[in-house]
N, C-alpha and C. Protein backbone atom coordinates (compact mmCIF):
# COMPACT_ATOMS: atom_id res chain seq x y z
N UNK A 1 40.05 -232.75 119.27
CA UNK A 1 39.19 -233.25 118.20
C UNK A 1 39.98 -234.26 117.39
N UNK A 2 39.34 -235.34 117.06
CA UNK A 2 39.95 -236.36 116.21
C UNK A 2 39.46 -236.07 114.80
N UNK A 3 40.36 -235.71 113.90
CA UNK A 3 39.98 -235.31 112.56
C UNK A 3 40.11 -236.39 111.52
N UNK A 4 40.96 -237.39 111.79
CA UNK A 4 41.18 -238.45 110.81
C UNK A 4 41.73 -239.67 111.52
N UNK A 5 41.35 -240.83 111.04
CA UNK A 5 41.90 -242.09 111.54
C UNK A 5 42.49 -242.86 110.37
N UNK A 6 43.71 -243.34 110.56
CA UNK A 6 44.33 -244.21 109.57
C UNK A 6 44.81 -245.45 110.31
N UNK A 7 44.35 -246.60 109.85
CA UNK A 7 44.72 -247.84 110.51
C UNK A 7 44.24 -249.03 109.72
N UNK A 8 43.88 -250.08 110.44
CA UNK A 8 43.44 -251.33 109.84
C UNK A 8 41.97 -251.54 110.20
N UNK A 9 41.17 -251.92 109.22
CA UNK A 9 39.75 -252.17 109.46
C UNK A 9 39.62 -253.48 110.24
N UNK A 10 39.19 -253.38 111.48
CA UNK A 10 39.12 -254.56 112.35
C UNK A 10 37.77 -255.26 112.28
N UNK A 11 36.68 -254.51 112.12
CA UNK A 11 35.35 -255.12 112.08
C UNK A 11 34.38 -254.21 111.34
N UNK A 12 33.35 -254.86 110.73
CA UNK A 12 32.30 -254.12 110.04
C UNK A 12 30.95 -254.66 110.51
N UNK A 13 30.20 -253.81 111.18
CA UNK A 13 28.84 -254.15 111.62
C UNK A 13 27.97 -252.92 111.35
N UNK A 14 27.29 -252.89 110.20
CA UNK A 14 26.58 -251.67 109.79
C UNK A 14 25.69 -251.12 110.91
N UNK A 15 25.69 -249.84 111.14
CA UNK A 15 26.44 -248.77 110.48
C UNK A 15 27.76 -248.46 111.19
N UNK A 16 28.27 -249.41 111.94
CA UNK A 16 29.48 -249.14 112.72
C UNK A 16 30.65 -249.98 112.23
N UNK A 17 31.84 -249.38 112.30
CA UNK A 17 33.08 -250.10 111.99
C UNK A 17 34.04 -249.90 113.15
N UNK A 18 35.02 -250.79 113.24
CA UNK A 18 36.08 -250.65 114.22
C UNK A 18 37.39 -250.50 113.45
N UNK A 19 38.10 -249.41 113.73
CA UNK A 19 39.38 -249.15 113.08
C UNK A 19 40.47 -249.31 114.13
N UNK A 20 41.41 -250.23 113.87
CA UNK A 20 42.54 -250.47 114.76
C UNK A 20 43.67 -249.51 114.38
N UNK A 21 43.97 -248.58 115.29
CA UNK A 21 45.04 -247.62 115.07
C UNK A 21 46.09 -247.86 116.15
N UNK A 22 47.19 -248.48 115.76
CA UNK A 22 48.29 -248.77 116.70
C UNK A 22 47.81 -249.50 117.94
N UNK A 23 46.95 -250.49 117.75
CA UNK A 23 46.50 -251.31 118.87
C UNK A 23 45.27 -250.79 119.60
N UNK A 24 44.77 -249.62 119.25
CA UNK A 24 43.57 -249.06 119.87
C UNK A 24 42.43 -249.18 118.86
N UNK A 25 41.33 -249.80 119.26
CA UNK A 25 40.18 -249.96 118.36
C UNK A 25 39.19 -248.84 118.55
N UNK A 26 39.00 -248.03 117.51
CA UNK A 26 38.04 -246.94 117.54
C UNK A 26 36.74 -247.39 116.90
N UNK A 27 35.62 -247.29 117.65
CA UNK A 27 34.31 -247.57 117.09
C UNK A 27 33.84 -246.31 116.38
N UNK A 28 33.50 -246.45 115.11
CA UNK A 28 33.14 -245.30 114.29
C UNK A 28 31.82 -245.59 113.58
N UNK A 29 30.85 -244.67 113.72
CA UNK A 29 29.60 -244.77 112.97
C UNK A 29 29.80 -244.14 111.61
N UNK A 30 29.37 -244.83 110.55
CA UNK A 30 29.58 -244.34 109.19
C UNK A 30 28.26 -244.39 108.41
N UNK A 31 28.08 -243.47 107.44
CA UNK A 31 26.90 -243.58 106.57
C UNK A 31 27.09 -244.79 105.65
N UNK A 32 26.00 -245.29 105.10
CA UNK A 32 26.08 -246.48 104.25
C UNK A 32 26.90 -246.22 102.98
N UNK A 33 26.94 -244.98 102.52
CA UNK A 33 27.76 -244.66 101.34
C UNK A 33 29.23 -244.95 101.63
N UNK A 34 29.68 -244.63 102.82
CA UNK A 34 31.05 -244.92 103.22
C UNK A 34 31.21 -246.42 103.48
N UNK A 35 30.21 -247.02 104.13
CA UNK A 35 30.27 -248.44 104.47
C UNK A 35 30.47 -249.30 103.23
N UNK A 36 29.74 -248.98 102.15
CA UNK A 36 29.84 -249.78 100.93
C UNK A 36 31.18 -249.61 100.22
N UNK A 37 31.90 -248.53 100.52
CA UNK A 37 33.19 -248.32 99.86
C UNK A 37 34.37 -248.83 100.70
N UNK A 38 34.08 -249.48 101.82
CA UNK A 38 35.15 -249.97 102.69
C UNK A 38 35.87 -251.17 102.09
N UNK A 39 37.16 -251.27 102.39
CA UNK A 39 37.90 -252.46 101.95
C UNK A 39 37.54 -253.66 102.82
N UNK A 40 38.13 -254.79 102.55
CA UNK A 40 37.90 -256.00 103.34
C UNK A 40 38.48 -255.83 104.74
N UNK A 41 37.95 -256.59 105.68
CA UNK A 41 38.45 -256.57 107.05
C UNK A 41 39.93 -256.94 107.04
N UNK A 42 40.73 -256.18 107.80
CA UNK A 42 42.16 -256.40 107.87
C UNK A 42 42.96 -255.50 106.95
N UNK A 43 42.28 -254.83 106.02
CA UNK A 43 42.95 -253.93 105.07
C UNK A 43 43.16 -252.54 105.69
N UNK A 44 44.07 -251.78 105.08
CA UNK A 44 44.33 -250.40 105.53
C UNK A 44 43.16 -249.50 105.16
N UNK A 45 42.90 -248.52 106.04
CA UNK A 45 41.76 -247.62 105.83
C UNK A 45 42.07 -246.25 106.41
N UNK A 46 41.52 -245.22 105.78
CA UNK A 46 41.57 -243.86 106.30
C UNK A 46 40.17 -243.30 106.29
N UNK A 47 39.73 -242.79 107.43
CA UNK A 47 38.42 -242.16 107.54
C UNK A 47 38.59 -240.74 108.08
N UNK A 48 37.86 -239.81 107.51
CA UNK A 48 37.79 -238.45 108.05
C UNK A 48 36.70 -238.47 109.10
N UNK A 49 36.96 -237.92 110.26
CA UNK A 49 36.05 -238.11 111.39
C UNK A 49 35.49 -236.81 111.96
N UNK A 50 34.40 -236.99 112.69
CA UNK A 50 33.78 -235.91 113.45
C UNK A 50 33.47 -236.49 114.82
N UNK A 51 33.94 -235.86 115.88
CA UNK A 51 33.72 -236.32 117.24
C UNK A 51 32.62 -235.50 117.88
N UNK A 52 31.61 -236.19 118.40
CA UNK A 52 30.53 -235.52 119.13
C UNK A 52 30.66 -235.90 120.60
N UNK A 53 30.74 -234.89 121.45
CA UNK A 53 30.86 -235.12 122.89
C UNK A 53 29.57 -234.66 123.56
N UNK A 54 28.91 -235.62 124.22
CA UNK A 54 27.71 -235.30 124.97
C UNK A 54 27.93 -235.73 126.41
N UNK A 55 26.99 -235.40 127.24
CA UNK A 55 27.09 -235.73 128.66
C UNK A 55 27.20 -237.24 128.89
N UNK A 56 26.49 -238.01 128.07
CA UNK A 56 26.43 -239.45 128.27
C UNK A 56 27.23 -240.27 127.26
N UNK A 57 27.86 -239.62 126.26
CA UNK A 57 28.59 -240.40 125.25
C UNK A 57 29.56 -239.54 124.45
N UNK A 58 30.62 -240.17 124.01
CA UNK A 58 31.54 -239.59 123.03
C UNK A 58 31.38 -240.48 121.79
N UNK A 59 30.89 -239.90 120.69
CA UNK A 59 30.61 -240.67 119.50
C UNK A 59 31.46 -240.17 118.35
N UNK A 60 32.09 -241.10 117.65
CA UNK A 60 32.94 -240.77 116.52
C UNK A 60 32.24 -241.18 115.24
N UNK A 61 32.14 -240.24 114.30
CA UNK A 61 31.52 -240.49 113.00
C UNK A 61 32.61 -240.44 111.94
N UNK A 62 32.57 -241.37 110.99
CA UNK A 62 33.61 -241.44 109.97
C UNK A 62 33.05 -241.34 108.56
N UNK A 63 33.89 -240.77 107.68
CA UNK A 63 33.46 -240.52 106.29
C UNK A 63 34.60 -240.82 105.34
N UNK A 64 34.25 -241.33 104.17
CA UNK A 64 35.27 -241.67 103.16
C UNK A 64 35.88 -240.43 102.54
N UNK A 65 35.11 -239.33 102.47
CA UNK A 65 35.60 -238.12 101.82
C UNK A 65 35.40 -236.90 102.71
N UNK A 66 36.19 -235.86 102.43
CA UNK A 66 36.03 -234.60 103.15
C UNK A 66 34.68 -233.95 102.84
N UNK A 67 34.18 -234.15 101.61
CA UNK A 67 32.89 -233.58 101.22
C UNK A 67 31.77 -234.16 102.06
N UNK A 68 31.81 -235.49 102.31
CA UNK A 68 30.79 -236.13 103.14
C UNK A 68 30.83 -235.56 104.55
N UNK A 69 32.03 -235.39 105.10
CA UNK A 69 32.14 -234.85 106.45
C UNK A 69 31.62 -233.42 106.51
N UNK A 70 31.93 -232.62 105.51
CA UNK A 70 31.46 -231.23 105.47
C UNK A 70 29.93 -231.18 105.39
N UNK A 71 29.35 -232.06 104.57
CA UNK A 71 27.89 -232.11 104.45
C UNK A 71 27.27 -232.54 105.78
N UNK A 72 27.87 -233.52 106.45
CA UNK A 72 27.40 -233.97 107.76
C UNK A 72 27.41 -232.81 108.75
N UNK A 73 28.48 -232.05 108.76
CA UNK A 73 28.59 -230.92 109.68
C UNK A 73 27.55 -229.84 109.38
N UNK A 74 27.25 -229.62 108.10
CA UNK A 74 26.20 -228.67 107.74
C UNK A 74 24.83 -229.19 108.20
N UNK A 75 24.60 -230.48 108.04
CA UNK A 75 23.32 -231.06 108.42
C UNK A 75 23.08 -230.97 109.93
N UNK A 76 24.09 -231.28 110.74
CA UNK A 76 23.85 -231.29 112.19
C UNK A 76 23.74 -229.88 112.78
N UNK A 77 24.08 -228.86 112.00
CA UNK A 77 23.89 -227.48 112.46
C UNK A 77 22.42 -227.05 112.38
N UNK A 78 21.63 -227.81 111.65
CA UNK A 78 20.22 -227.46 111.46
C UNK A 78 19.44 -227.90 112.69
N UNK A 79 18.62 -226.99 113.21
CA UNK A 79 17.80 -227.27 114.38
C UNK A 79 16.90 -228.47 114.12
N UNK A 80 16.92 -229.42 115.05
CA UNK A 80 16.08 -230.61 114.92
C UNK A 80 16.69 -231.74 114.13
N UNK A 81 17.88 -231.53 113.57
CA UNK A 81 18.56 -232.58 112.81
C UNK A 81 19.76 -233.05 113.63
N UNK A 82 19.68 -234.28 114.09
CA UNK A 82 20.77 -234.84 114.87
C UNK A 82 21.70 -235.65 114.00
N UNK A 83 22.67 -236.25 114.63
CA UNK A 83 23.68 -237.03 113.92
C UNK A 83 23.06 -238.24 113.22
N UNK A 84 22.10 -238.90 113.85
CA UNK A 84 21.47 -240.08 113.23
C UNK A 84 20.72 -239.69 111.94
N UNK A 85 20.01 -238.57 112.00
CA UNK A 85 19.28 -238.10 110.82
C UNK A 85 20.26 -237.71 109.73
N UNK A 86 21.35 -237.04 110.11
CA UNK A 86 22.37 -236.64 109.13
C UNK A 86 22.98 -237.87 108.46
N UNK A 87 23.25 -238.92 109.25
CA UNK A 87 23.78 -240.17 108.67
C UNK A 87 22.76 -240.80 107.72
N UNK A 88 21.48 -240.74 108.07
CA UNK A 88 20.45 -241.28 107.18
C UNK A 88 20.42 -240.54 105.86
N UNK A 89 20.53 -239.20 105.92
CA UNK A 89 20.52 -238.41 104.69
C UNK A 89 21.70 -238.79 103.82
N UNK A 90 22.89 -238.90 104.42
CA UNK A 90 24.09 -239.23 103.64
C UNK A 90 24.10 -240.70 103.21
N UNK A 91 23.34 -241.54 103.89
CA UNK A 91 23.21 -242.93 103.46
C UNK A 91 22.26 -243.04 102.28
N UNK A 92 21.27 -242.13 102.21
CA UNK A 92 20.28 -242.18 101.16
C UNK A 92 20.65 -241.42 99.90
N UNK A 93 21.50 -240.39 100.04
CA UNK A 93 21.89 -239.56 98.90
C UNK A 93 23.39 -239.28 98.95
N UNK A 94 24.02 -239.25 97.79
CA UNK A 94 25.41 -238.82 97.75
C UNK A 94 25.44 -237.32 98.00
N UNK A 95 26.60 -236.78 98.31
CA UNK A 95 26.72 -235.35 98.57
C UNK A 95 26.31 -234.55 97.34
N UNK A 96 26.70 -235.01 96.15
CA UNK A 96 26.33 -234.28 94.93
C UNK A 96 24.82 -234.35 94.69
N UNK A 97 24.18 -235.50 94.97
CA UNK A 97 22.73 -235.60 94.82
C UNK A 97 22.01 -234.71 95.82
N UNK A 98 22.53 -234.65 97.05
CA UNK A 98 21.96 -233.77 98.07
C UNK A 98 22.08 -232.32 97.64
N UNK A 99 23.25 -231.94 97.16
CA UNK A 99 23.47 -230.56 96.71
C UNK A 99 22.56 -230.22 95.54
N UNK A 100 22.38 -231.17 94.63
CA UNK A 100 21.50 -230.94 93.49
C UNK A 100 20.05 -230.81 93.95
N UNK A 101 19.63 -231.63 94.90
CA UNK A 101 18.27 -231.53 95.44
C UNK A 101 18.04 -230.18 96.09
N UNK A 102 19.04 -229.69 96.81
CA UNK A 102 18.93 -228.39 97.46
C UNK A 102 18.88 -227.29 96.40
N UNK A 103 19.73 -227.38 95.39
CA UNK A 103 19.76 -226.36 94.34
C UNK A 103 18.44 -226.29 93.58
N UNK A 104 17.82 -227.45 93.38
CA UNK A 104 16.56 -227.50 92.64
C UNK A 104 15.36 -227.42 93.57
N UNK A 105 15.60 -227.34 94.89
CA UNK A 105 14.54 -227.32 95.90
C UNK A 105 13.59 -228.50 95.70
N UNK A 106 14.17 -229.69 95.56
CA UNK A 106 13.43 -230.93 95.31
C UNK A 106 13.26 -231.71 96.60
N UNK A 107 12.14 -231.49 97.30
CA UNK A 107 11.89 -232.17 98.57
C UNK A 107 11.55 -233.65 98.36
N UNK A 108 11.08 -234.01 97.18
CA UNK A 108 10.67 -235.39 96.90
C UNK A 108 11.79 -236.40 97.12
N UNK A 109 13.00 -236.06 96.72
CA UNK A 109 14.13 -236.98 96.90
C UNK A 109 14.45 -237.17 98.38
N UNK A 110 14.30 -236.10 99.15
CA UNK A 110 14.62 -236.18 100.58
C UNK A 110 13.58 -236.99 101.36
N UNK A 111 12.30 -236.86 100.97
CA UNK A 111 11.26 -237.57 101.72
C UNK A 111 11.31 -239.08 101.50
N UNK A 112 12.07 -239.53 100.50
CA UNK A 112 12.23 -240.97 100.28
C UNK A 112 13.21 -241.60 101.28
N UNK A 113 13.95 -240.76 101.98
CA UNK A 113 14.91 -241.25 102.97
C UNK A 113 14.16 -241.59 104.25
N UNK A 114 14.37 -242.79 104.81
CA UNK A 114 13.68 -243.15 106.06
C UNK A 114 13.96 -242.13 107.16
N UNK A 115 12.90 -241.69 107.84
CA UNK A 115 13.04 -240.74 108.93
C UNK A 115 12.94 -239.28 108.51
N UNK A 116 12.81 -239.02 107.22
CA UNK A 116 12.69 -237.65 106.73
C UNK A 116 11.28 -237.44 106.20
N UNK A 117 10.53 -236.62 106.92
CA UNK A 117 9.18 -236.30 106.49
C UNK A 117 9.18 -235.02 105.66
N UNK A 118 7.99 -234.61 105.27
CA UNK A 118 7.85 -233.44 104.40
C UNK A 118 8.38 -232.17 105.08
N UNK A 119 8.03 -231.97 106.35
CA UNK A 119 8.46 -230.75 107.05
C UNK A 119 9.98 -230.73 107.24
N UNK A 120 10.55 -231.85 107.60
CA UNK A 120 12.01 -231.92 107.77
C UNK A 120 12.70 -231.68 106.44
N UNK A 121 12.19 -232.27 105.37
CA UNK A 121 12.78 -232.09 104.04
C UNK A 121 12.75 -230.61 103.64
N UNK A 122 11.62 -229.95 103.88
CA UNK A 122 11.52 -228.53 103.54
C UNK A 122 12.48 -227.69 104.38
N UNK A 123 12.64 -228.04 105.65
CA UNK A 123 13.58 -227.31 106.51
C UNK A 123 15.02 -227.53 106.03
N UNK A 124 15.35 -228.76 105.63
CA UNK A 124 16.68 -229.04 105.11
C UNK A 124 16.96 -228.22 103.86
N UNK A 125 15.99 -228.17 102.95
CA UNK A 125 16.17 -227.41 101.71
C UNK A 125 16.40 -225.93 102.01
N UNK A 126 15.64 -225.40 102.95
CA UNK A 126 15.77 -223.99 103.30
C UNK A 126 17.11 -223.70 103.97
N UNK A 127 17.49 -224.52 104.93
CA UNK A 127 18.71 -224.29 105.71
C UNK A 127 19.99 -224.57 104.92
N UNK A 128 19.94 -225.50 103.98
CA UNK A 128 21.15 -225.88 103.24
C UNK A 128 21.38 -225.05 101.98
N UNK A 129 20.40 -224.24 101.62
CA UNK A 129 20.52 -223.46 100.39
C UNK A 129 21.79 -222.62 100.41
N UNK A 130 22.66 -222.84 99.40
CA UNK A 130 23.91 -222.09 99.28
C UNK A 130 25.03 -222.55 100.18
N UNK A 131 24.84 -223.65 100.92
CA UNK A 131 25.86 -224.10 101.87
C UNK A 131 26.58 -225.39 101.49
N UNK A 132 26.19 -226.01 100.40
CA UNK A 132 26.81 -227.29 100.02
C UNK A 132 27.71 -227.16 98.80
N UNK A 133 28.19 -225.99 98.53
CA UNK A 133 29.07 -225.81 97.37
C UNK A 133 28.25 -225.50 96.14
N UNK A 134 28.94 -225.21 95.08
CA UNK A 134 28.29 -224.83 93.84
C UNK A 134 27.93 -226.07 93.03
N UNK A 135 26.67 -226.26 92.84
CA UNK A 135 26.18 -227.30 91.96
C UNK A 135 25.35 -226.58 90.91
N UNK A 136 25.81 -226.62 89.71
CA UNK A 136 25.07 -225.90 88.67
C UNK A 136 23.92 -226.76 88.18
N UNK A 137 22.76 -226.15 88.13
CA UNK A 137 21.57 -226.82 87.62
C UNK A 137 21.22 -226.12 86.32
N UNK A 138 21.31 -226.86 85.25
CA UNK A 138 21.03 -226.26 83.95
C UNK A 138 19.54 -226.01 83.82
N UNK A 139 19.15 -225.07 82.98
CA UNK A 139 17.73 -224.84 82.74
C UNK A 139 17.00 -226.10 82.27
N UNK A 140 17.70 -226.94 81.50
CA UNK A 140 17.09 -228.19 81.02
C UNK A 140 16.77 -229.10 82.20
N UNK A 141 17.71 -229.21 83.17
CA UNK A 141 17.47 -230.04 84.35
C UNK A 141 16.32 -229.47 85.17
N UNK A 142 16.26 -228.16 85.32
CA UNK A 142 15.20 -227.52 86.10
C UNK A 142 13.84 -227.78 85.45
N UNK A 143 13.77 -227.70 84.11
CA UNK A 143 12.51 -227.95 83.41
C UNK A 143 12.10 -229.41 83.58
N UNK A 144 13.05 -230.33 83.43
CA UNK A 144 12.75 -231.75 83.59
C UNK A 144 12.26 -232.03 85.01
N UNK A 145 12.87 -231.35 85.99
CA UNK A 145 12.46 -231.52 87.38
C UNK A 145 11.04 -231.01 87.60
N UNK A 146 10.70 -229.90 86.98
CA UNK A 146 9.34 -229.35 87.10
C UNK A 146 8.32 -230.31 86.50
N UNK A 147 8.64 -230.87 85.34
CA UNK A 147 7.74 -231.82 84.69
C UNK A 147 7.61 -233.07 85.57
N UNK A 148 8.72 -233.56 86.09
CA UNK A 148 8.72 -234.74 86.95
C UNK A 148 7.85 -234.49 88.19
N UNK A 149 8.05 -233.35 88.85
CA UNK A 149 7.26 -233.03 90.04
C UNK A 149 5.77 -232.92 89.73
N UNK A 150 5.43 -232.39 88.55
CA UNK A 150 4.02 -232.29 88.15
C UNK A 150 3.42 -233.69 88.00
N UNK A 151 4.17 -234.59 87.37
CA UNK A 151 3.67 -235.96 87.18
C UNK A 151 3.51 -236.69 88.52
N UNK A 152 4.45 -236.48 89.42
CA UNK A 152 4.36 -237.10 90.74
C UNK A 152 3.15 -236.55 91.50
N UNK A 153 2.90 -235.24 91.37
CA UNK A 153 1.75 -234.62 92.03
C UNK A 153 0.43 -235.16 91.47
N UNK A 154 0.44 -235.56 90.21
CA UNK A 154 -0.76 -236.13 89.59
C UNK A 154 -0.97 -237.59 89.98
N UNK A 155 -0.03 -238.16 90.73
CA UNK A 155 -0.22 -239.52 91.23
C UNK A 155 0.54 -240.61 90.49
N UNK A 156 1.37 -240.24 89.53
CA UNK A 156 2.16 -241.26 88.83
C UNK A 156 3.30 -241.71 89.73
N UNK A 157 3.71 -242.96 89.56
CA UNK A 157 4.82 -243.50 90.35
C UNK A 157 6.14 -242.89 89.87
N UNK A 158 7.17 -243.01 90.68
CA UNK A 158 8.50 -242.51 90.31
C UNK A 158 8.95 -243.13 88.99
N UNK A 159 8.77 -244.43 88.87
CA UNK A 159 9.23 -245.14 87.68
C UNK A 159 8.52 -244.63 86.43
N UNK A 160 7.20 -244.48 86.52
CA UNK A 160 6.43 -243.99 85.38
C UNK A 160 6.84 -242.56 85.01
N UNK A 161 6.95 -241.71 86.03
CA UNK A 161 7.28 -240.30 85.78
C UNK A 161 8.68 -240.16 85.19
N UNK A 162 9.64 -240.89 85.75
CA UNK A 162 11.01 -240.81 85.23
C UNK A 162 11.08 -241.31 83.78
N UNK A 163 10.36 -242.38 83.48
CA UNK A 163 10.34 -242.91 82.12
C UNK A 163 9.76 -241.90 81.14
N UNK A 164 8.70 -241.21 81.55
CA UNK A 164 8.07 -240.22 80.67
C UNK A 164 8.97 -239.00 80.47
N UNK A 165 9.68 -238.58 81.52
CA UNK A 165 10.55 -237.40 81.43
C UNK A 165 11.78 -237.69 80.58
N UNK A 166 12.28 -238.91 80.63
CA UNK A 166 13.47 -239.27 79.84
C UNK A 166 13.22 -239.16 78.34
N UNK A 167 11.99 -239.37 77.93
CA UNK A 167 11.67 -239.33 76.51
C UNK A 167 11.44 -237.93 75.97
N UNK A 168 11.51 -236.91 76.82
CA UNK A 168 11.24 -235.54 76.37
C UNK A 168 12.45 -234.94 75.67
N UNK A 169 12.15 -234.05 74.73
CA UNK A 169 13.22 -233.33 74.03
C UNK A 169 13.84 -232.31 74.99
N UNK A 170 15.18 -232.16 74.97
CA UNK A 170 15.83 -231.19 75.84
C UNK A 170 15.37 -229.77 75.49
N UNK A 171 15.13 -228.96 76.52
CA UNK A 171 14.77 -227.57 76.32
C UNK A 171 13.30 -227.33 76.05
N UNK A 172 12.48 -228.38 76.14
CA UNK A 172 11.05 -228.21 75.90
C UNK A 172 10.45 -227.39 77.04
N UNK A 173 9.56 -226.45 76.75
CA UNK A 173 8.91 -225.68 77.82
C UNK A 173 8.14 -226.60 78.78
N UNK A 174 8.01 -226.19 80.02
CA UNK A 174 7.42 -227.04 81.05
C UNK A 174 6.00 -227.47 80.68
N UNK A 175 5.16 -226.53 80.26
CA UNK A 175 3.77 -226.87 79.94
C UNK A 175 3.70 -227.90 78.80
N UNK A 176 4.51 -227.69 77.77
CA UNK A 176 4.53 -228.65 76.66
C UNK A 176 5.11 -229.99 77.12
N UNK A 177 6.10 -229.95 78.00
CA UNK A 177 6.70 -231.17 78.53
C UNK A 177 5.70 -232.00 79.31
N UNK A 178 4.87 -231.32 80.10
CA UNK A 178 3.84 -232.04 80.87
C UNK A 178 2.84 -232.69 79.92
N UNK A 179 2.40 -231.94 78.90
CA UNK A 179 1.44 -232.50 77.93
C UNK A 179 2.05 -233.71 77.22
N UNK A 180 3.30 -233.57 76.76
CA UNK A 180 3.96 -234.67 76.05
C UNK A 180 4.13 -235.89 76.96
N UNK A 181 4.50 -235.66 78.20
CA UNK A 181 4.70 -236.76 79.14
C UNK A 181 3.36 -237.46 79.42
N UNK A 182 2.29 -236.69 79.57
CA UNK A 182 0.98 -237.29 79.81
C UNK A 182 0.52 -238.12 78.60
N UNK A 183 0.79 -237.64 77.39
CA UNK A 183 0.46 -238.41 76.20
C UNK A 183 1.24 -239.71 76.16
N UNK A 184 2.55 -239.63 76.50
CA UNK A 184 3.38 -240.83 76.52
C UNK A 184 2.88 -241.84 77.56
N UNK A 185 2.45 -241.33 78.72
CA UNK A 185 1.95 -242.20 79.78
C UNK A 185 0.60 -242.82 79.38
N UNK A 186 -0.20 -242.07 78.65
CA UNK A 186 -1.51 -242.59 78.23
C UNK A 186 -1.35 -243.73 77.22
N UNK A 187 -0.31 -243.68 76.41
CA UNK A 187 -0.05 -244.73 75.41
C UNK A 187 0.47 -246.01 76.03
N UNK A 188 1.19 -245.89 77.14
CA UNK A 188 1.81 -247.08 77.73
C UNK A 188 0.86 -247.88 78.60
C-alpha cells in the first residue's frame, strides 16, 4: 500500500495531478478541496494516498490531510458509493462540513453535490453517523437548522432562507423562529 507521496508537483489537470518522486511520475486523483490547495507546478508536495486495486486498474487517490483520507475511506465503505462519488462529496464539502451535516442529519447540503440524490444522501447520513469524529452541534445550531429546513421545504431559495435565519435571535424556539423568519421574508 502506498500511504504517502512526497515529491515535486509535475502537472495539474483537474481532478488529476502528477507527482514526481525520484524520477517516477505518479498519477493521483484528488478532490477539488486538495486541488485548490496545491502549490505551483515544480514545487514540493506531500499527499496522503489511498491505493485502489481492481482487475482492470490500479488507481491512486491523494489528499492534503489525513482527515480527508479518513473521510474518503469511510465513504467508500458504504454500499453503492464508489471512489468517484466519494471524491465528489469531498470536493463539494470540507470534512468538517460533512461531519456537521451528518451530525445534524442535514441531507440538503449533500443533495447539492453533483451525483448525490436524495436516496444516496440519506444513506450517507445513516452510514456515516458517529464515524467522522466528534463534531459538536450546539442546540442553537440545531434550532437554526430546523428553521432553515422548514423554510426550504416551504419553497424558499437557499439565499432567502439563510438570510432569514441569520437575523434570528440565538436560542429562539423553532416554532417562533419559523414565524419570525416568515415575517422577515414577507417584508423583503
